[in-house]
N, C-alpha and C. Protein backbone atom coordinates (compact mmCIF):
# COMPACT_ATOMS: atom_id res chain seq x y z
N MET A 1 34.86 35.64 -48.41
CA MET A 1 34.13 35.21 -47.26
C MET A 1 34.32 36.24 -46.17
N PRO A 2 33.18 36.72 -45.59
CA PRO A 2 33.33 37.78 -44.57
C PRO A 2 33.92 37.22 -43.28
N SER A 3 34.64 38.07 -42.62
CA SER A 3 35.23 37.66 -41.34
C SER A 3 34.15 37.63 -40.27
N VAL A 4 34.45 36.95 -39.20
CA VAL A 4 33.53 36.85 -38.05
C VAL A 4 33.19 38.22 -37.52
N ASP A 5 34.23 39.10 -37.42
CA ASP A 5 34.05 40.42 -36.85
C ASP A 5 33.02 41.23 -37.63
N SER A 6 33.14 41.20 -39.00
CA SER A 6 32.22 41.98 -39.83
C SER A 6 30.80 41.42 -39.73
N THR A 7 30.63 40.11 -39.58
CA THR A 7 29.30 39.52 -39.44
C THR A 7 28.63 39.98 -38.17
N VAL A 8 29.38 39.99 -37.11
CA VAL A 8 28.82 40.45 -35.82
C VAL A 8 28.44 41.91 -35.90
N GLU A 9 29.29 42.72 -36.59
CA GLU A 9 29.03 44.13 -36.72
C GLU A 9 27.76 44.37 -37.53
N GLU A 10 27.56 43.59 -38.63
CA GLU A 10 26.36 43.75 -39.46
C GLU A 10 25.12 43.36 -38.66
N GLN A 11 25.22 42.31 -37.84
CA GLN A 11 24.06 41.91 -37.02
C GLN A 11 23.73 42.99 -36.00
N ASN A 12 24.74 43.58 -35.40
CA ASN A 12 24.51 44.65 -34.41
C ASN A 12 23.86 45.86 -35.06
N GLN A 13 24.32 46.19 -36.30
CA GLN A 13 23.71 47.33 -37.02
C GLN A 13 22.24 47.06 -37.34
N LYS A 14 21.90 45.83 -37.69
CA LYS A 14 20.51 45.48 -38.02
C LYS A 14 19.63 45.52 -36.78
N SER A 15 20.15 45.04 -35.64
CA SER A 15 19.30 44.95 -34.43
C SER A 15 19.22 46.26 -33.66
N ALA A 16 20.14 47.22 -33.96
CA ALA A 16 20.13 48.49 -33.21
C ALA A 16 18.80 49.23 -33.30
N PRO A 17 18.24 49.43 -34.52
CA PRO A 17 16.96 50.13 -34.58
C PRO A 17 15.85 49.36 -33.87
N GLU A 18 15.89 48.06 -33.94
CA GLU A 18 14.86 47.25 -33.24
C GLU A 18 14.98 47.46 -31.74
N GLN A 19 16.21 47.47 -31.20
CA GLN A 19 16.42 47.65 -29.77
C GLN A 19 15.99 49.05 -29.34
N ALA A 20 16.26 50.05 -30.19
CA ALA A 20 15.89 51.43 -29.84
C ALA A 20 14.37 51.53 -29.76
N GLY A 21 13.67 50.95 -30.74
CA GLY A 21 12.22 50.98 -30.71
C GLY A 21 11.66 50.20 -29.53
N LYS A 22 12.26 49.10 -29.23
CA LYS A 22 11.82 48.25 -28.14
C LYS A 22 12.03 48.96 -26.78
N SER A 23 13.18 49.63 -26.63
CA SER A 23 13.47 50.29 -25.34
C SER A 23 12.54 51.48 -25.11
N TRP A 24 12.15 52.20 -26.18
CA TRP A 24 11.25 53.32 -26.04
C TRP A 24 9.86 52.87 -25.55
N THR A 25 9.33 51.80 -26.18
CA THR A 25 8.03 51.29 -25.74
C THR A 25 8.11 50.68 -24.34
N THR A 26 9.22 50.01 -24.06
CA THR A 26 9.40 49.40 -22.74
C THR A 26 9.44 50.50 -21.68
N GLU A 27 10.17 51.56 -21.97
CA GLU A 27 10.28 52.68 -20.99
C GLU A 27 8.93 53.35 -20.79
N LEU A 28 8.19 53.56 -21.88
CA LEU A 28 6.82 54.14 -21.75
C LEU A 28 5.94 53.26 -20.91
N TRP A 29 5.99 51.95 -21.15
CA TRP A 29 5.17 51.02 -20.36
C TRP A 29 5.58 51.03 -18.90
N ASP A 30 6.86 51.12 -18.61
CA ASP A 30 7.34 51.22 -17.22
C ASP A 30 6.77 52.47 -16.53
N TRP A 31 6.80 53.60 -17.27
CA TRP A 31 6.24 54.84 -16.71
C TRP A 31 4.76 54.70 -16.43
N VAL A 32 4.03 54.13 -17.37
CA VAL A 32 2.59 53.94 -17.17
C VAL A 32 2.32 53.07 -15.96
N LYS A 33 3.03 51.96 -15.82
CA LYS A 33 2.85 51.08 -14.67
C LYS A 33 3.19 51.85 -13.35
N THR A 34 4.25 52.62 -13.34
CA THR A 34 4.63 53.37 -12.16
C THR A 34 3.55 54.39 -11.75
N ILE A 35 3.02 55.07 -12.74
CA ILE A 35 1.95 56.09 -12.48
C ILE A 35 0.71 55.41 -11.95
N VAL A 36 0.33 54.29 -12.54
CA VAL A 36 -0.88 53.58 -12.10
C VAL A 36 -0.71 53.06 -10.68
N VAL A 37 0.45 52.46 -10.37
CA VAL A 37 0.72 51.94 -9.02
C VAL A 37 0.69 53.08 -8.00
N ALA A 38 1.35 54.21 -8.34
CA ALA A 38 1.37 55.38 -7.45
C ALA A 38 -0.05 55.88 -7.20
N PHE A 39 -0.87 55.94 -8.27
CA PHE A 39 -2.23 56.41 -8.18
C PHE A 39 -3.05 55.52 -7.24
N VAL A 40 -2.90 54.20 -7.41
CA VAL A 40 -3.64 53.22 -6.59
C VAL A 40 -3.22 53.35 -5.12
N ILE A 41 -1.91 53.49 -4.89
CA ILE A 41 -1.42 53.63 -3.53
C ILE A 41 -2.01 54.91 -2.89
N MET A 42 -1.98 56.01 -3.64
CA MET A 42 -2.51 57.28 -3.12
C MET A 42 -4.01 57.15 -2.84
N MET A 43 -4.74 56.47 -3.69
CA MET A 43 -6.18 56.31 -3.47
C MET A 43 -6.44 55.48 -2.19
N LEU A 44 -5.67 54.42 -2.00
CA LEU A 44 -5.81 53.57 -0.82
C LEU A 44 -5.44 54.36 0.44
N LEU A 45 -4.34 55.09 0.40
CA LEU A 45 -3.95 55.92 1.54
C LEU A 45 -5.03 56.96 1.85
N ASN A 46 -5.60 57.58 0.79
CA ASN A 46 -6.64 58.60 0.97
C ASN A 46 -7.91 57.96 1.54
N LEU A 47 -8.18 56.74 1.17
CA LEU A 47 -9.38 56.05 1.64
C LEU A 47 -9.29 55.60 3.10
N PHE A 48 -8.09 55.09 3.47
CA PHE A 48 -7.93 54.48 4.78
C PHE A 48 -7.02 55.19 5.78
N VAL A 49 -6.10 55.99 5.34
CA VAL A 49 -5.06 56.53 6.20
C VAL A 49 -5.17 58.03 6.46
N PHE A 50 -5.28 58.80 5.38
CA PHE A 50 -5.39 60.26 5.59
C PHE A 50 -6.26 60.86 4.50
N ASN A 51 -6.59 62.13 4.72
CA ASN A 51 -7.39 62.87 3.76
C ASN A 51 -6.89 64.29 3.74
N LEU A 52 -6.98 64.93 2.62
CA LEU A 52 -6.67 66.37 2.53
C LEU A 52 -7.98 67.08 2.30
N SER A 53 -8.37 67.97 3.19
CA SER A 53 -9.65 68.62 3.12
C SER A 53 -9.52 70.14 3.12
N MET A 54 -10.53 70.78 2.52
CA MET A 54 -10.54 72.25 2.47
C MET A 54 -11.69 72.74 3.33
N VAL A 55 -11.41 73.77 4.15
CA VAL A 55 -12.42 74.36 5.03
C VAL A 55 -13.37 75.22 4.21
N LYS A 56 -14.66 75.02 4.44
CA LYS A 56 -15.67 75.85 3.79
C LYS A 56 -16.56 76.40 4.92
N GLY A 57 -16.80 77.70 4.93
CA GLY A 57 -17.64 78.30 5.96
C GLY A 57 -16.83 78.93 7.09
N GLN A 58 -17.59 79.47 8.08
CA GLN A 58 -16.98 80.27 9.12
C GLN A 58 -17.07 79.66 10.50
N SER A 59 -17.59 78.45 10.61
CA SER A 59 -17.93 77.91 11.92
C SER A 59 -16.72 77.63 12.82
N MET A 60 -15.51 77.56 12.27
CA MET A 60 -14.34 77.28 13.09
C MET A 60 -13.42 78.48 13.25
N GLN A 61 -13.87 79.66 12.84
CA GLN A 61 -13.06 80.85 13.06
C GLN A 61 -12.96 81.13 14.57
N PRO A 62 -11.84 81.63 15.07
CA PRO A 62 -10.63 82.06 14.36
C PRO A 62 -9.62 80.98 14.11
N THR A 63 -9.85 79.75 14.58
CA THR A 63 -8.87 78.67 14.42
C THR A 63 -8.66 78.32 12.95
N LEU A 64 -9.75 78.18 12.20
CA LEU A 64 -9.70 77.85 10.78
C LEU A 64 -10.52 78.88 10.01
N VAL A 65 -10.01 79.24 8.85
CA VAL A 65 -10.76 80.18 8.00
C VAL A 65 -11.03 79.54 6.66
N GLU A 66 -11.95 80.15 5.93
CA GLU A 66 -12.35 79.66 4.60
C GLU A 66 -11.12 79.39 3.74
N SER A 67 -11.10 78.20 3.10
CA SER A 67 -10.07 77.78 2.16
C SER A 67 -8.79 77.25 2.81
N ASP A 68 -8.70 77.20 4.14
CA ASP A 68 -7.56 76.50 4.75
C ASP A 68 -7.60 75.06 4.32
N ARG A 69 -6.42 74.48 4.07
CA ARG A 69 -6.34 73.07 3.71
C ARG A 69 -5.84 72.28 4.93
N LEU A 70 -6.52 71.19 5.22
CA LEU A 70 -6.20 70.40 6.42
C LEU A 70 -5.69 69.01 6.07
N PHE A 71 -4.74 68.52 6.87
CA PHE A 71 -4.35 67.13 6.81
C PHE A 71 -5.14 66.41 7.87
N VAL A 72 -5.96 65.44 7.43
CA VAL A 72 -6.84 64.71 8.34
C VAL A 72 -6.34 63.28 8.49
N ASN A 73 -6.02 62.91 9.74
CA ASN A 73 -5.54 61.60 10.07
C ASN A 73 -6.71 60.66 10.31
N LYS A 74 -6.90 59.66 9.42
CA LYS A 74 -8.04 58.76 9.55
C LYS A 74 -7.76 57.51 10.37
N MET A 75 -6.46 57.33 10.72
CA MET A 75 -6.09 56.11 11.48
C MET A 75 -6.03 56.32 12.97
N VAL A 76 -5.87 57.57 13.42
CA VAL A 76 -5.54 57.86 14.81
C VAL A 76 -6.55 57.26 15.80
N TYR A 77 -7.83 57.24 15.42
CA TYR A 77 -8.85 56.75 16.37
C TYR A 77 -9.03 55.23 16.30
N HIS A 78 -8.24 54.57 15.46
CA HIS A 78 -8.17 53.10 15.48
C HIS A 78 -7.26 52.63 16.61
N PHE A 79 -6.43 53.57 17.08
CA PHE A 79 -5.42 53.22 18.11
C PHE A 79 -5.67 53.94 19.43
N GLY A 80 -6.64 54.85 19.45
CA GLY A 80 -6.96 55.60 20.69
C GLY A 80 -8.33 56.24 20.56
N GLU A 81 -8.78 56.78 21.67
CA GLU A 81 -10.10 57.40 21.70
C GLU A 81 -10.04 58.90 21.37
N PRO A 82 -11.09 59.46 20.81
CA PRO A 82 -11.13 60.92 20.64
C PRO A 82 -10.98 61.62 21.97
N ALA A 83 -10.28 62.74 21.96
CA ALA A 83 -10.00 63.48 23.22
C ALA A 83 -10.66 64.86 23.18
N ARG A 84 -10.89 65.41 24.34
CA ARG A 84 -11.44 66.76 24.46
C ARG A 84 -10.49 67.73 23.73
N SER A 85 -11.05 68.67 23.03
CA SER A 85 -10.33 69.69 22.24
C SER A 85 -9.81 69.21 20.89
N ASP A 86 -9.92 67.91 20.58
CA ASP A 86 -9.55 67.47 19.23
C ASP A 86 -10.39 68.17 18.19
N VAL A 87 -9.78 68.64 17.12
CA VAL A 87 -10.50 69.16 15.96
C VAL A 87 -10.71 68.00 15.02
N ILE A 88 -11.95 67.73 14.69
CA ILE A 88 -12.27 66.53 13.92
C ILE A 88 -13.06 66.88 12.63
N VAL A 89 -13.01 65.96 11.70
CA VAL A 89 -13.90 66.01 10.56
C VAL A 89 -14.92 64.90 10.76
N LEU A 90 -16.21 65.25 10.59
CA LEU A 90 -17.28 64.27 10.79
C LEU A 90 -18.29 64.35 9.67
N ARG A 91 -19.00 63.26 9.50
CA ARG A 91 -20.11 63.25 8.54
C ARG A 91 -21.25 64.09 9.15
N ASP A 92 -21.84 64.95 8.36
CA ASP A 92 -22.93 65.82 8.84
C ASP A 92 -24.12 64.95 9.22
N PRO A 93 -24.47 64.87 10.54
CA PRO A 93 -25.59 64.03 10.93
C PRO A 93 -26.94 64.69 10.80
N SER A 94 -26.97 65.98 10.40
CA SER A 94 -28.27 66.69 10.32
C SER A 94 -29.04 66.23 9.11
N GLU A 95 -30.33 66.52 9.13
CA GLU A 95 -31.20 66.15 8.03
C GLU A 95 -31.88 67.35 7.38
N ASP A 96 -31.36 68.55 7.65
CA ASP A 96 -32.02 69.75 7.16
C ASP A 96 -31.59 70.06 5.70
N VAL A 97 -32.16 71.14 5.17
CA VAL A 97 -31.88 71.51 3.78
C VAL A 97 -30.40 71.86 3.57
N GLY A 98 -29.78 72.44 4.58
CA GLY A 98 -28.38 72.83 4.44
C GLY A 98 -27.38 71.73 4.77
N LYS A 99 -27.81 70.49 4.76
CA LYS A 99 -26.92 69.34 5.07
C LYS A 99 -25.71 69.34 4.15
N LYS A 100 -24.51 69.15 4.76
CA LYS A 100 -23.28 69.05 3.97
C LYS A 100 -22.76 67.63 4.09
N ASP A 101 -21.79 67.29 3.28
CA ASP A 101 -21.18 65.97 3.40
C ASP A 101 -20.39 65.83 4.70
N TYR A 102 -19.54 66.87 4.95
CA TYR A 102 -18.67 66.79 6.12
C TYR A 102 -18.67 68.15 6.85
N LEU A 103 -18.37 68.09 8.15
CA LEU A 103 -18.20 69.26 8.99
C LEU A 103 -16.85 69.17 9.72
N VAL A 104 -16.34 70.32 10.08
CA VAL A 104 -15.17 70.40 10.94
C VAL A 104 -15.61 71.03 12.25
N LYS A 105 -15.37 70.31 13.36
CA LYS A 105 -15.78 70.83 14.68
C LYS A 105 -14.74 70.43 15.72
N ARG A 106 -14.92 70.94 16.92
CA ARG A 106 -14.05 70.65 18.05
C ARG A 106 -14.82 69.83 19.08
N ILE A 107 -14.23 68.75 19.58
CA ILE A 107 -14.85 67.95 20.63
C ILE A 107 -14.74 68.72 21.93
N VAL A 108 -15.92 69.01 22.57
CA VAL A 108 -15.91 69.66 23.86
C VAL A 108 -16.49 68.78 24.97
N GLY A 109 -17.12 67.67 24.58
CA GLY A 109 -17.69 66.76 25.58
C GLY A 109 -17.45 65.31 25.22
N LEU A 110 -17.07 64.53 26.23
CA LEU A 110 -16.76 63.10 26.07
C LEU A 110 -17.88 62.23 26.72
N PRO A 111 -17.92 60.95 26.39
CA PRO A 111 -18.95 60.11 27.00
C PRO A 111 -19.01 60.25 28.53
N GLY A 112 -20.22 60.43 29.04
CA GLY A 112 -20.42 60.58 30.49
C GLY A 112 -20.38 62.02 30.97
N ASP A 113 -19.90 62.97 30.12
CA ASP A 113 -19.86 64.36 30.50
C ASP A 113 -21.25 64.98 30.53
N THR A 114 -21.44 65.97 31.37
CA THR A 114 -22.64 66.78 31.36
C THR A 114 -22.27 68.13 30.74
N ILE A 115 -22.93 68.50 29.68
CA ILE A 115 -22.63 69.71 28.90
C ILE A 115 -23.75 70.74 29.08
N GLU A 116 -23.33 71.95 29.29
CA GLU A 116 -24.30 73.05 29.42
C GLU A 116 -23.68 74.35 28.95
N VAL A 117 -24.50 75.15 28.26
CA VAL A 117 -24.11 76.52 27.91
C VAL A 117 -25.03 77.45 28.70
N LYS A 118 -24.44 78.27 29.56
CA LYS A 118 -25.26 79.18 30.37
C LYS A 118 -24.49 80.45 30.61
N ASP A 119 -25.23 81.55 30.54
CA ASP A 119 -24.66 82.90 30.75
C ASP A 119 -23.47 83.10 29.84
N HIS A 120 -23.56 82.64 28.57
CA HIS A 120 -22.56 82.86 27.53
C HIS A 120 -21.25 82.07 27.76
N HIS A 121 -21.30 81.01 28.57
CA HIS A 121 -20.11 80.21 28.81
C HIS A 121 -20.44 78.73 28.68
N LEU A 122 -19.42 77.94 28.27
CA LEU A 122 -19.55 76.50 28.18
C LEU A 122 -19.13 75.88 29.52
N TYR A 123 -19.97 74.99 30.02
CA TYR A 123 -19.69 74.26 31.23
C TYR A 123 -19.64 72.77 30.93
N VAL A 124 -18.62 72.11 31.45
CA VAL A 124 -18.50 70.64 31.35
C VAL A 124 -18.42 70.12 32.74
N ASN A 125 -19.40 69.26 33.09
CA ASN A 125 -19.50 68.71 34.48
C ASN A 125 -19.51 69.80 35.52
N GLY A 126 -20.23 70.87 35.22
CA GLY A 126 -20.39 71.97 36.17
C GLY A 126 -19.23 72.94 36.27
N VAL A 127 -18.14 72.72 35.46
CA VAL A 127 -16.97 73.57 35.50
C VAL A 127 -16.92 74.45 34.25
N GLN A 128 -16.85 75.76 34.46
CA GLN A 128 -16.73 76.68 33.33
C GLN A 128 -15.42 76.43 32.60
N GLN A 129 -15.48 76.30 31.28
CA GLN A 129 -14.30 75.99 30.49
C GLN A 129 -13.56 77.24 30.04
N THR A 130 -12.24 77.18 30.11
CA THR A 130 -11.41 78.25 29.53
C THR A 130 -11.08 77.83 28.11
N GLU A 131 -11.56 78.58 27.14
CA GLU A 131 -11.44 78.21 25.75
C GLU A 131 -10.53 79.19 25.00
N SER A 132 -9.23 78.91 25.01
CA SER A 132 -8.23 79.79 24.41
C SER A 132 -8.35 79.84 22.89
N TYR A 133 -9.02 78.87 22.27
CA TYR A 133 -9.10 78.76 20.86
C TYR A 133 -10.21 79.65 20.26
N THR A 134 -11.02 80.27 21.08
CA THR A 134 -12.07 81.15 20.57
C THR A 134 -11.85 82.58 21.04
N ASP A 135 -12.38 83.55 20.32
CA ASP A 135 -12.14 84.92 20.69
C ASP A 135 -13.35 85.66 21.22
N ILE A 136 -14.41 84.92 21.55
CA ILE A 136 -15.66 85.55 22.01
C ILE A 136 -16.45 84.58 22.87
N GLU A 137 -17.23 85.09 23.78
CA GLU A 137 -18.13 84.27 24.57
C GLU A 137 -19.23 83.71 23.66
N VAL A 138 -19.91 82.69 24.14
CA VAL A 138 -21.02 82.08 23.36
C VAL A 138 -22.16 83.09 23.31
N GLN A 139 -22.53 83.45 22.09
CA GLN A 139 -23.62 84.43 21.91
C GLN A 139 -24.95 83.78 21.62
N ASP A 140 -24.95 82.49 21.37
CA ASP A 140 -26.20 81.78 21.15
C ASP A 140 -26.95 81.62 22.46
N PRO A 141 -28.26 81.22 22.43
CA PRO A 141 -29.00 81.03 23.66
C PRO A 141 -28.41 79.91 24.53
N ASP A 142 -28.79 79.91 25.80
CA ASP A 142 -28.35 78.86 26.72
C ASP A 142 -28.79 77.49 26.19
N PHE A 143 -28.07 76.45 26.60
CA PHE A 143 -28.30 75.09 26.13
C PHE A 143 -28.09 74.12 27.27
N GLY A 144 -28.93 73.09 27.33
CA GLY A 144 -28.69 71.97 28.26
C GLY A 144 -29.21 72.30 29.66
N PRO A 145 -28.72 71.54 30.64
CA PRO A 145 -27.67 70.54 30.55
C PRO A 145 -28.10 69.19 29.96
N ILE A 146 -27.17 68.53 29.29
CA ILE A 146 -27.41 67.16 28.84
C ILE A 146 -26.21 66.28 29.23
N THR A 147 -26.49 65.01 29.53
CA THR A 147 -25.40 64.09 29.87
C THR A 147 -25.22 63.13 28.71
N LEU A 148 -23.97 62.96 28.28
CA LEU A 148 -23.66 62.14 27.13
C LEU A 148 -23.64 60.66 27.43
N GLU A 149 -24.24 59.89 26.55
CA GLU A 149 -24.26 58.44 26.70
C GLU A 149 -22.91 57.85 26.29
N PRO A 150 -22.70 56.57 26.55
CA PRO A 150 -21.43 55.93 26.09
C PRO A 150 -21.27 56.07 24.58
N ASP A 151 -20.06 56.30 24.15
CA ASP A 151 -19.70 56.45 22.74
C ASP A 151 -20.40 57.66 22.10
N HIS A 152 -20.73 58.66 22.87
CA HIS A 152 -21.32 59.90 22.35
C HIS A 152 -20.39 61.08 22.69
N PHE A 153 -20.26 61.98 21.70
CA PHE A 153 -19.38 63.13 21.86
C PHE A 153 -20.16 64.40 21.51
N PHE A 154 -19.81 65.46 22.17
CA PHE A 154 -20.47 66.76 21.95
C PHE A 154 -19.46 67.64 21.22
N VAL A 155 -19.85 68.17 20.07
CA VAL A 155 -18.94 69.01 19.26
C VAL A 155 -19.53 70.41 19.09
N MET A 156 -18.60 71.35 19.03
CA MET A 156 -19.00 72.75 18.77
C MET A 156 -17.98 73.38 17.82
N GLY A 157 -18.42 74.38 17.10
CA GLY A 157 -17.51 75.21 16.29
C GLY A 157 -16.84 76.22 17.20
N ASP A 158 -15.65 76.67 16.80
CA ASP A 158 -14.94 77.67 17.58
C ASP A 158 -15.53 79.08 17.43
N ASN A 159 -16.32 79.29 16.37
CA ASN A 159 -16.95 80.58 16.14
C ASN A 159 -18.21 80.64 17.00
N ARG A 160 -18.13 81.43 18.06
CA ARG A 160 -19.22 81.50 19.04
C ARG A 160 -20.17 82.69 18.81
N HIS A 161 -20.05 83.37 17.65
CA HIS A 161 -21.02 84.38 17.28
C HIS A 161 -22.36 83.74 17.04
N GLU A 162 -23.42 84.43 17.30
CA GLU A 162 -24.76 83.83 17.21
C GLU A 162 -25.06 83.27 15.81
N GLY A 163 -25.49 82.01 15.79
CA GLY A 163 -25.90 81.37 14.55
C GLY A 163 -24.79 81.03 13.58
N LYS A 164 -23.52 81.11 13.98
CA LYS A 164 -22.42 80.87 13.05
C LYS A 164 -21.94 79.42 13.02
N SER A 165 -22.40 78.56 13.92
CA SER A 165 -21.95 77.18 13.93
C SER A 165 -23.11 76.21 14.10
N LYS A 166 -23.28 75.34 13.11
CA LYS A 166 -24.25 74.25 13.23
C LYS A 166 -23.44 73.10 13.91
N ASP A 167 -23.81 72.77 15.13
CA ASP A 167 -23.04 71.75 15.87
C ASP A 167 -23.99 70.93 16.75
N SER A 168 -23.46 70.30 17.79
CA SER A 168 -24.26 69.40 18.62
C SER A 168 -25.42 70.08 19.34
N ARG A 169 -25.40 71.41 19.41
CA ARG A 169 -26.53 72.12 19.97
C ARG A 169 -27.73 72.08 19.02
N VAL A 170 -27.44 71.81 17.74
CA VAL A 170 -28.48 71.72 16.69
C VAL A 170 -28.82 70.27 16.39
N PHE A 171 -27.81 69.43 16.11
CA PHE A 171 -28.07 68.07 15.67
C PHE A 171 -27.83 67.01 16.74
N GLY A 172 -27.47 67.42 17.94
CA GLY A 172 -27.29 66.47 19.03
C GLY A 172 -25.87 65.90 19.05
N SER A 173 -25.62 65.04 20.01
CA SER A 173 -24.30 64.39 20.11
C SER A 173 -24.04 63.48 18.95
N ILE A 174 -22.77 63.20 18.73
CA ILE A 174 -22.40 62.28 17.63
C ILE A 174 -21.73 61.03 18.22
N THR A 175 -21.67 60.00 17.42
CA THR A 175 -20.97 58.76 17.83
C THR A 175 -19.64 58.65 17.10
N SER A 176 -18.80 57.76 17.59
CA SER A 176 -17.48 57.60 16.95
C SER A 176 -17.61 57.13 15.49
N SER A 177 -18.68 56.47 15.13
CA SER A 177 -18.84 56.01 13.75
C SER A 177 -19.04 57.15 12.78
N GLU A 178 -19.42 58.33 13.30
CA GLU A 178 -19.62 59.51 12.44
C GLU A 178 -18.33 60.31 12.26
N ILE A 179 -17.29 59.99 13.00
CA ILE A 179 -16.02 60.73 12.94
C ILE A 179 -15.17 60.13 11.83
N VAL A 180 -14.77 61.00 10.89
CA VAL A 180 -13.93 60.59 9.76
C VAL A 180 -12.48 60.52 10.22
N GLY A 181 -12.03 61.51 10.97
CA GLY A 181 -10.67 61.54 11.43
C GLY A 181 -10.34 62.84 12.16
N LYS A 182 -9.11 62.94 12.62
CA LYS A 182 -8.64 64.08 13.39
C LYS A 182 -7.89 65.04 12.45
N ALA A 183 -8.28 66.31 12.45
CA ALA A 183 -7.55 67.32 11.68
C ALA A 183 -6.26 67.63 12.44
N GLU A 184 -5.13 67.20 11.88
CA GLU A 184 -3.85 67.31 12.57
C GLU A 184 -3.20 68.70 12.39
N PHE A 185 -3.23 69.21 11.17
CA PHE A 185 -2.58 70.50 10.94
C PHE A 185 -3.09 71.14 9.67
N ILE A 186 -2.89 72.45 9.59
CA ILE A 186 -3.13 73.22 8.36
C ILE A 186 -1.88 73.11 7.54
N PHE A 187 -1.99 72.69 6.28
CA PHE A 187 -0.79 72.59 5.44
C PHE A 187 -0.78 73.64 4.33
N TRP A 188 -1.88 74.35 4.15
CA TRP A 188 -1.94 75.41 3.16
C TRP A 188 -2.97 76.44 3.59
N PRO A 189 -2.70 77.72 3.44
CA PRO A 189 -1.48 78.33 2.89
C PRO A 189 -0.27 78.12 3.82
N PHE A 190 0.91 78.17 3.22
CA PHE A 190 2.13 77.93 4.00
C PHE A 190 2.30 78.95 5.13
N SER A 191 1.85 80.17 4.90
CA SER A 191 1.96 81.22 5.93
C SER A 191 1.15 80.91 7.14
N GLU A 192 0.10 80.05 7.01
CA GLU A 192 -0.77 79.72 8.13
C GLU A 192 -0.53 78.29 8.65
N MET A 193 0.53 77.64 8.15
CA MET A 193 0.77 76.25 8.52
C MET A 193 0.97 76.14 10.04
N LYS A 194 0.20 75.25 10.66
CA LYS A 194 0.32 75.04 12.10
C LYS A 194 -0.38 73.75 12.52
N LYS A 195 0.04 73.24 13.66
CA LYS A 195 -0.58 72.03 14.22
C LYS A 195 -1.86 72.48 14.96
N LEU A 196 -2.89 71.64 14.90
CA LEU A 196 -4.15 71.97 15.55
C LEU A 196 -4.27 71.25 16.89
């Protein structure tokens, strides 16, 4: 008659392969669940909280150049209003052949402001603006003056060479509903990482 000890040992030896197989599938299932949950969380964050965007085109030079990667805060304007000089991502409101999904521009005019471009300079409410973020005077033709309605913003690209920026001088002012979020900083390439 086998002893109790040997019976327990035999049972442990029989169940060991079963436990090994069970733990492998359990661990795989745990990994799959973790990856799916992480993916869903990232998708929700990307949809509602932030976005990672790549710059295409020259309209924001010298501040942004082709292929810069931006961290775009989608929540910031739920808690405050867009401010002058904010760099924003917006849905392209134009209807022309070159329409893009999104544009990156700088807010230069707020609701109630009078905007004018004259003699190669930007004027807001009759005051010539000092624009440290651009490296050249406005080379496009004079524009305005126009006064912005409530919830309307005037945006321009930092590239003031003639014809280099499709902005509010082309498609008019934008509303807050067209703003996707605020471009907070460049995160790639690392050598160009900076707050905007």
